[in-house]
Amino acid sequence: MSEKIPYKTYLDEKEIPTAWYNMRADMKNKPAPLLNPGTHQPMKAEELSPVFCDELIKQELDNDTAYFPIPEEILKFYKMYRPSPLVRAYFLEKKLGTPAKIYYKFEGNNTSGSHKLNSAIAQAYYAKKQGLKGVTTETGAGQWGTALSMACSYFDLDCKVYMVKVSYEQKPFRREVMRTYGASVTPSPSNTTNVGRAILEKHPGTTGSLGCAISEAVEVAVGTEGYRYVLGSVLNQVLLHQSVIGLETKTALDKLGVKPDIIIGCAGGGSNLGGLIAPFMGEKLRGEADYRIIAVEPASCPSFTRGTFAYDFCDTGMVCPLAKMYTLGSDFIPSANHAGGLRYHGMSSTLSQLYHDGYMEARSVKQTDVFEAA
């Protein structure tokens, strides 16, 4: 077992990316625009302003700017836990008896336990800069909710979280961490919103879904003065913020003299996958390099592998804009599984377009097979 390459590669603080990379700038076929649910016409910035923060709307709609400078205050926050380590999985290689050299980017080295903090702190920053009182959001397994509650605590913002009911019941400690940071946490669907009551009436006893929780969070944001809705995945702005994962990964691999053949990421709504592959996909789109890129999704919610590439509502209550994406239908309620954050009926429009155009592959796996393999 050759160990010339270290088990963990840490970049210097000075090597934290100073700009987020926007894959859409290098795409020949841009993601289709969001549509107004009432008129079915492309959404304008002013139509999105009751829901999203102003600066985030600009990031969401900009298909041409390749790099967005990261504000200094966000960079300072990133230094608490970034750069994250790139790990060489020597023991896994040995166990598998494979000649493959396996690396993984470990994003669990922060209080939220995941990559979600990369975008949470950015979205909270822009909400604070706009002078808002607070934000609303959804969360599946609770990592996004935890990250956002931490970010809101840092910027002294109110945080209202709608947590998918099955995860709310499965993961009591995660919801208590959110509350420790000052967030209110409500199981979704709930009786606190019109859309929640309607879903409960139509599906009594439902375990909920991310689509349900999104509907409730949006309803509360739009109906509460000084609040906006923020999302932990799917949206272009989220993939933009998460590009720090891939940018750091590529810098570390370049320093080691390693060019990956295959890049694999798990996919629910697309934030983790989109963040990891960003600079590599950029090279592929520009014709500078070729990589095999594979998305892995749960068999219980297989948007890529069994979904349809079409316009659909981003939420179950059909109050959000329509996005062109791989979707199982906005009314699809997936069966309960342990990876609650992967239970989303659709997929990022950016990643959906890239998959449709043949730039990446997708596989679906059963969680029982994952547990057995592990």
Protein backbone atom coordinates (compact mmCIF):
# COMPACT_ATOMS: atom_id res chain seq x y z
CA MET A 1 0.00 0.00 0.00
CA SER A 2 1.86 3.04 -1.31
CA GLU A 3 1.43 6.03 0.98
CA LYS A 4 3.44 8.71 -0.79
CA ILE A 5 0.28 10.81 -0.95
CA PRO A 6 -0.84 11.85 2.56
CA TYR A 7 -3.97 10.44 4.15
CA LYS A 8 -5.30 13.99 4.41
CA THR A 9 -4.39 16.98 2.28
CA TYR A 10 -5.10 20.38 3.80
CA LEU A 11 -4.81 23.57 1.81
CA ASP A 12 -3.61 26.78 3.42
CA GLU A 13 -6.22 29.37 4.48
CA LYS A 14 -4.89 31.59 1.71
CA GLU A 15 -6.01 28.94 -0.79
CA ILE A 16 -9.69 29.16 0.12
CA PRO A 17 -11.45 30.23 -3.09
CA THR A 18 -12.13 33.97 -3.21
CA ALA A 19 -14.86 33.65 -5.85
CA TRP A 20 -17.69 31.19 -6.50
CA TYR A 21 -17.74 29.54 -9.94
CA ASN A 22 -20.92 29.56 -12.04
CA MET A 23 -21.10 26.50 -14.33
CA ARG A 24 -23.93 28.06 -16.32
CA ALA A 25 -21.51 30.57 -17.85
CA ASP A 26 -19.78 27.73 -19.74
CA MET A 27 -22.94 25.82 -20.74
CA LYS A 28 -23.92 26.03 -24.42
CA ASN A 29 -27.48 25.03 -23.53
CA LYS A 30 -28.44 27.15 -20.53
CA PRO A 31 -30.93 25.86 -17.95
CA ALA A 32 -34.50 26.76 -18.92
CA PRO A 33 -35.88 29.78 -17.02
CA LEU A 34 -38.18 29.54 -14.01
CA LEU A 35 -41.82 30.05 -15.01
CA ASN A 36 -44.47 32.06 -13.20
CA PRO A 37 -47.03 29.52 -11.89
CA GLY A 38 -49.89 31.84 -12.87
CA THR A 39 -48.85 33.01 -16.34
CA HIS A 40 -46.33 30.29 -17.30
CA GLN A 41 -44.04 33.07 -18.52
CA PRO A 42 -40.36 33.37 -17.49
CA MET A 43 -40.03 34.83 -14.01
CA LYS A 44 -38.66 38.36 -13.72
CA ALA A 45 -36.54 39.53 -10.80
CA GLU A 46 -39.34 41.69 -9.41
CA GLU A 47 -41.68 38.69 -9.38
CA LEU A 48 -39.21 36.72 -7.28
CA SER A 49 -38.52 39.53 -4.80
CA PRO A 50 -41.39 38.69 -2.38
CA VAL A 51 -39.84 35.21 -1.95
CA PHE A 52 -36.04 35.55 -2.24
CA CYS A 53 -33.38 38.04 -1.13
CA ASP A 54 -32.52 40.63 -3.79
CA GLU A 55 -28.84 39.74 -4.23
CA LEU A 56 -29.64 36.03 -4.37
CA ILE A 57 -32.16 36.67 -7.15
CA LYS A 58 -29.37 38.25 -9.21
CA GLN A 59 -27.20 35.16 -8.66
CA GLU A 60 -30.14 32.89 -9.50
CA LEU A 61 -30.89 34.51 -12.85
CA ASP A 62 -27.32 35.22 -14.04
CA ASN A 63 -26.31 32.63 -16.65
CA ASP A 64 -23.32 34.57 -17.97
CA THR A 65 -21.05 35.70 -15.12
CA ALA A 66 -18.44 32.97 -14.57
CA TYR A 67 -17.15 34.10 -11.16
CA PHE A 68 -18.83 35.92 -8.28
CA PRO A 69 -16.45 37.44 -5.68
CA ILE A 70 -17.08 36.04 -2.19
CA PRO A 71 -17.77 38.89 0.28
CA GLU A 72 -15.06 39.38 2.91
CA GLU A 73 -17.37 38.60 5.85
CA ILE A 74 -18.32 35.25 4.31
CA LEU A 75 -14.65 34.45 3.67
CA LYS A 76 -13.86 35.16 7.32
CA PHE A 77 -16.63 32.79 8.38
CA TYR A 78 -15.37 30.12 5.95
CA LYS A 79 -11.99 30.22 7.71
CA MET A 80 -13.60 28.68 10.82
CA TYR A 81 -13.88 25.35 8.98
CA ARG A 82 -12.38 25.73 5.53
CA PRO A 83 -10.40 24.54 3.72
CA SER A 84 -11.88 21.09 4.35
CA PRO A 85 -9.58 18.08 3.96
CA LEU A 86 -9.20 15.95 0.86
CA VAL A 87 -8.80 12.39 2.14
CA ARG A 88 -7.10 9.47 0.41
CA ALA A 89 -9.14 6.36 1.30
CA TYR A 90 -6.24 3.94 1.68
CA PHE A 91 -8.10 1.53 3.94
CA LEU A 92 -11.14 1.36 1.67
CA GLU A 93 -8.87 0.69 -1.31
CA LYS A 94 -7.24 -2.16 0.60
CA LYS A 95 -10.57 -3.59 1.75
CA LEU A 96 -11.92 -3.56 -1.79
CA GLY A 97 -8.70 -4.94 -3.24
CA THR A 98 -8.91 -2.36 -5.99
CA PRO A 99 -6.14 -0.74 -8.02
CA ALA A 100 -8.27 2.43 -8.04
CA LYS A 101 -7.02 5.38 -6.04
CA ILE A 102 -9.99 6.75 -4.08
CA TYR A 103 -10.25 10.27 -2.68
CA TYR A 104 -13.10 11.98 -0.91
CA LYS A 105 -13.70 15.56 0.14
CA PHE A 106 -14.75 15.62 3.80
CA GLU A 107 -17.33 18.37 4.37
CA GLY A 108 -18.40 17.20 7.83
CA ASN A 109 -15.81 19.24 9.73
CA ASN A 110 -18.24 21.89 10.98
CA THR A 111 -21.10 22.12 13.47
CA SER A 112 -23.80 21.51 10.86
CA GLY A 113 -22.09 18.24 9.94
CA SER A 114 -22.22 18.81 6.21
CA HIS A 115 -21.53 21.02 3.20
CA LYS A 116 -24.76 22.95 3.82
CA LEU A 117 -23.03 25.69 5.82
CA ASN A 118 -21.26 26.89 2.64
CA SER A 119 -24.54 28.27 1.28
CA ALA A 120 -26.33 28.91 4.59
CA ILE A 121 -23.84 31.55 5.67
CA ALA A 122 -23.99 33.20 2.24
CA GLN A 123 -27.79 33.36 2.18
CA ALA A 124 -27.96 34.62 5.78
CA TYR A 125 -25.36 37.28 4.93
CA TYR A 126 -27.43 38.64 2.05
CA ALA A 127 -30.61 38.55 4.16
CA LYS A 128 -28.90 40.58 6.89
CA LYS A 129 -27.43 42.99 4.34
CA GLN A 130 -30.95 43.59 3.00
CA GLY A 131 -32.16 44.47 6.49
CA LEU A 132 -34.55 41.54 6.89
CA LYS A 133 -35.85 40.31 10.25
CA GLY A 134 -35.54 36.64 9.42
CA VAL A 135 -35.84 33.76 6.97
CA THR A 136 -37.88 30.59 6.53
CA THR A 137 -36.74 27.28 5.11
CA GLU A 138 -37.32 23.55 4.83
CA THR A 139 -35.03 20.76 5.95
CA GLY A 140 -35.01 17.01 5.39
CA ALA A 141 -32.59 15.15 7.64
CA GLY A 142 -31.84 18.43 9.37
CA GLN A 143 -28.36 19.30 8.17
CA TRP A 144 -29.53 22.28 6.13
CA GLY A 145 -31.76 23.46 8.97
CA THR A 146 -28.85 23.14 11.38
CA ALA A 147 -26.54 25.06 9.06
CA LEU A 148 -29.06 27.84 8.53
CA SER A 149 -29.90 28.14 12.23
CA MET A 150 -26.17 28.48 12.92
CA ALA A 151 -25.78 31.14 10.21
CA CYS A 152 -28.85 33.05 11.41
CA SER A 153 -27.55 33.00 14.96
CA TYR A 154 -24.27 34.48 13.71
CA PHE A 155 -26.09 37.32 11.92
CA ASP A 156 -28.81 37.75 14.57
CA LEU A 157 -31.66 36.75 12.24
CA ASP A 158 -34.85 34.88 13.13
CA CYS A 159 -35.00 31.39 11.59
CA LYS A 160 -38.19 29.37 11.00
CA VAL A 161 -37.58 25.77 9.92
CA TYR A 162 -40.14 23.31 8.53
CA MET A 163 -38.66 19.84 9.00
CA VAL A 164 -39.98 16.84 7.06
CA LYS A 165 -42.07 14.88 9.55
CA VAL A 166 -40.34 11.52 9.13
CA SER A 167 -36.95 13.09 9.88
CA TYR A 168 -38.39 15.23 12.69
CA GLU A 169 -39.40 11.99 14.39
CA GLN A 170 -36.30 9.97 13.41
CA LYS A 171 -33.73 12.60 14.37
CA PRO A 172 -34.77 14.38 17.60
CA PHE A 173 -31.23 15.47 18.43
CA ARG A 174 -30.82 17.28 15.09
CA ARG A 175 -33.95 19.34 15.67
CA GLU A 176 -32.76 20.21 19.19
CA VAL A 177 -29.46 21.50 17.81
CA MET A 178 -31.46 23.85 15.59
CA ARG A 179 -33.46 25.04 18.57
CA THR A 180 -30.26 25.51 20.55
CA TYR A 181 -29.16 27.98 17.86
CA GLY A 182 -32.48 29.80 18.29
CA ALA A 183 -34.52 28.44 15.38
CA SER A 184 -38.17 27.41 15.61
CA VAL A 185 -38.67 23.90 14.21
CA THR A 186 -42.07 22.64 13.01
CA PRO A 187 -42.78 19.12 11.65
CA SER A 188 -44.11 19.24 8.08
CA PRO A 189 -46.82 18.99 6.91
CA SER A 190 -48.31 20.96 9.79
CA ASN A 191 -51.55 22.65 10.81
CA THR A 192 -49.81 26.03 10.98
CA THR A 193 -50.18 26.83 7.24
CA ASN A 194 -52.96 26.65 4.66
CA VAL A 195 -50.93 24.40 2.38
CA GLY A 196 -49.97 22.13 5.30
CA ARG A 197 -53.59 21.66 6.29
CA ALA A 198 -54.55 20.90 2.68
CA ILE A 199 -51.82 18.26 2.36
CA LEU A 200 -52.83 16.64 5.65
CA GLU A 201 -56.44 16.51 4.52
CA LYS A 202 -55.47 14.91 1.20
CA HIS A 203 -52.82 12.58 2.68
CA PRO A 204 -53.72 11.86 6.32
CA GLY A 205 -50.86 10.23 8.20
CA THR A 206 -48.27 11.28 5.59
CA THR A 207 -44.61 11.28 6.60
CA GLY A 208 -44.10 14.44 4.55
CA SER A 209 -41.55 15.36 1.91
CA LEU A 210 -39.19 18.19 1.08
CA GLY A 211 -41.76 19.42 -1.43
CA CYS A 212 -44.34 19.76 1.36
CA ALA A 213 -41.92 21.56 3.67
CA ILE A 214 -40.90 23.98 0.91
CA SER A 215 -44.55 24.94 0.33
CA GLU A 216 -45.06 25.72 4.01
CA ALA A 217 -41.85 27.72 4.32
CA VAL A 218 -42.66 29.80 1.23
CA GLU A 219 -46.21 30.51 2.45
CA VAL A 220 -44.90 31.81 5.77
CA ALA A 221 -42.14 33.90 4.16
CA VAL A 222 -44.49 35.59 1.69
CA GLY A 223 -47.08 36.24 4.40
CA THR A 224 -44.69 37.66 7.01
CA GLU A 225 -43.27 41.17 6.69
CA GLY A 226 -39.47 41.34 6.76
CA TYR A 227 -38.96 37.65 5.92
CA ARG A 228 -37.72 35.81 2.86
CA TYR A 229 -37.44 32.15 1.94
CA VAL A 230 -34.06 30.44 1.56
CA LEU A 231 -33.40 26.99 0.10
CA GLY A 232 -30.69 24.46 0.86
CA SER A 233 -30.43 22.83 -2.57
CA VAL A 234 -31.79 22.72 -6.15
CA LEU A 235 -31.47 26.46 -6.95
CA ASN A 236 -28.68 27.90 -9.11
CA GLN A 237 -27.56 30.22 -6.30
CA VAL A 238 -27.00 27.23 -3.99
CA LEU A 239 -24.88 25.36 -6.53
CA LEU A 240 -22.91 28.58 -6.99
CA HIS A 241 -22.06 28.82 -3.28
CA GLN A 242 -21.25 25.11 -3.07
CA SER A 243 -18.66 25.42 -5.84
CA VAL A 244 -16.11 26.06 -3.06
CA ILE A 245 -16.11 22.27 -2.54
CA GLY A 246 -14.99 21.47 -6.06
CA LEU A 247 -12.64 24.45 -6.34
CA GLU A 248 -10.76 23.35 -3.21
CA THR A 249 -10.79 19.73 -4.39
CA LYS A 250 -9.27 20.63 -7.74
CA THR A 251 -6.60 22.82 -6.15
CA ALA A 252 -5.60 19.99 -3.79
CA LEU A 253 -5.51 17.38 -6.56
CA ASP A 254 -3.47 19.70 -8.78
CA LYS A 255 -0.93 20.14 -5.97
CA LEU A 256 -0.71 16.34 -5.67
CA GLY A 257 -0.32 15.98 -9.43
CA VAL A 258 -3.51 13.93 -9.65
CA LYS A 259 -6.10 14.15 -12.42
CA PRO A 260 -9.27 12.19 -11.56
CA ASP A 261 -10.83 9.83 -14.10
CA ILE A 262 -14.22 9.54 -12.41
CA ILE A 263 -16.02 12.00 -10.12
CA ILE A 264 -18.94 10.65 -8.09
CA GLY A 265 -21.40 12.54 -5.90
CA CYS A 266 -24.66 11.75 -4.16
CA ALA A 267 -27.67 13.62 -5.51
CA GLY A 268 -30.90 14.70 -3.83
CA GLY A 269 -31.59 18.20 -5.11
CA GLY A 270 -28.06 18.72 -6.42
CA SER A 271 -26.16 20.98 -4.01
CA ASN A 272 -23.48 18.47 -2.99
CA LEU A 273 -23.04 17.01 -6.47
CA GLY A 274 -23.09 20.39 -8.19
CA GLY A 275 -20.58 21.82 -5.76
CA LEU A 276 -18.14 18.94 -6.11
CA ILE A 277 -18.16 18.70 -9.90
CA ALA A 278 -18.25 22.46 -10.67
CA PRO A 279 -14.66 23.19 -11.82
CA PHE A 280 -14.27 19.76 -13.43
CA MET A 281 -17.52 20.19 -15.35
CA GLY A 282 -16.29 23.65 -16.35
CA GLU A 283 -13.19 22.11 -17.94
CA LYS A 284 -15.35 19.49 -19.65
CA LEU A 285 -17.75 22.13 -21.00
CA ARG A 286 -14.85 24.22 -22.33
CA GLY A 287 -13.25 21.17 -23.96
CA GLU A 288 -10.12 21.43 -21.80
CA ALA A 289 -10.43 18.00 -20.17
CA ASP A 290 -12.72 15.00 -20.04
CA TYR A 291 -14.04 13.43 -16.87
CA ARG A 292 -16.59 10.72 -16.24
CA ILE A 293 -19.10 12.27 -13.82
CA ILE A 294 -21.64 10.07 -12.01
CA ALA A 295 -24.59 11.10 -9.86
CA VAL A 296 -25.79 8.55 -7.29
CA GLU A 297 -29.37 8.90 -6.05
CA PRO A 298 -31.72 6.87 -3.82
CA ALA A 299 -33.85 4.20 -5.50
CA SER A 300 -36.79 5.45 -3.42
CA CYS A 301 -36.58 8.90 -5.04
CA PRO A 302 -34.82 8.42 -8.42
CA SER A 303 -35.32 11.78 -10.14
CA PHE A 304 -32.54 11.36 -12.73
CA THR A 305 -32.97 7.69 -13.54
CA ARG A 306 -36.76 7.41 -13.53
CA GLY A 307 -37.95 11.00 -13.72
CA THR A 308 -39.14 13.03 -16.71
CA PHE A 309 -37.29 16.08 -18.05
CA ALA A 310 -40.09 18.63 -17.97
CA TYR A 311 -41.41 21.75 -16.29
CA ASP A 312 -42.81 21.01 -12.84
CA PHE A 313 -43.53 22.77 -9.57
CA CYS A 314 -40.61 22.88 -7.16
CA ASP A 315 -42.98 22.19 -4.26
CA THR A 316 -45.94 19.97 -3.39
CA GLY A 317 -48.33 22.86 -2.70
CA MET A 318 -47.72 24.29 -6.20
CA VAL A 319 -47.03 27.81 -4.94
CA CYS A 320 -43.41 28.03 -6.15
CA PRO A 321 -42.23 28.75 -9.71
CA LEU A 322 -42.04 25.93 -12.21
CA ALA A 323 -38.56 24.67 -13.10
CA LYS A 324 -37.50 22.49 -16.01
CA MET A 325 -35.85 19.53 -14.36
CA TYR A 326 -35.87 15.79 -13.99
CA THR A 327 -38.92 15.20 -11.82
CA LEU A 328 -41.06 12.42 -10.41
CA GLY A 329 -43.99 14.83 -10.05
CA SER A 330 -44.51 17.54 -7.44
CA ASP A 331 -47.15 15.40 -5.70
CA PHE A 332 -44.75 12.45 -5.35
CA ILE A 333 -44.32 11.42 -1.72
CA PRO A 334 -41.27 9.12 -1.47
CA SER A 335 -41.14 6.26 0.97
CA ALA A 336 -39.31 6.96 4.22
CA ASN A 337 -35.56 6.43 4.17
CA HIS A 338 -32.66 7.29 6.45
CA ALA A 339 -31.17 9.87 4.09
CA GLY A 340 -34.01 12.34 4.52
CA GLY A 341 -32.20 15.07 2.62
CA LEU A 342 -32.36 13.01 -0.58
CA ARG A 343 -36.16 12.73 -0.60
CA TYR A 344 -36.87 15.42 -3.18
CA HIS A 345 -39.05 14.85 -6.24
CA GLY A 346 -36.98 16.99 -8.59
CA MET A 347 -33.41 17.97 -9.39
CA SER A 348 -31.38 21.12 -9.99
CA SER A 349 -32.23 22.68 -13.37
CA THR A 350 -28.52 23.14 -14.09
CA LEU A 351 -27.66 19.51 -13.38
CA SER A 352 -30.79 18.34 -15.20
CA GLN A 353 -29.70 20.18 -18.35
CA LEU A 354 -26.17 18.78 -18.09
CA TYR A 355 -27.52 15.24 -17.63
CA HIS A 356 -29.96 15.70 -20.52
CA ASP A 357 -27.09 16.89 -22.74
CA GLY A 358 -24.96 13.83 -21.90
CA TYR A 359 -22.28 15.48 -19.77
CA MET A 360 -22.90 13.15 -16.81
CA GLU A 361 -24.35 9.77 -15.84
CA ALA A 362 -26.68 8.70 -13.03
CA ARG A 363 -27.24 5.59 -10.93
CA SER A 364 -29.91 4.81 -8.34
CA VAL A 365 -29.18 2.58 -5.34
CA LYS A 366 -31.25 1.05 -2.54
CA GLN A 367 -30.32 2.15 0.96
CA THR A 368 -30.24 -1.49 2.10
CA ASP A 369 -27.58 -2.20 -0.53
CA VAL A 370 -25.62 0.83 0.68
CA PHE A 371 -25.73 -0.36 4.29
CA GLU A 372 -24.73 -3.88 3.24
CA ALA A 373 -21.80 -2.59 1.17
CA ALA A 374 -20.62 -0.42 4.04
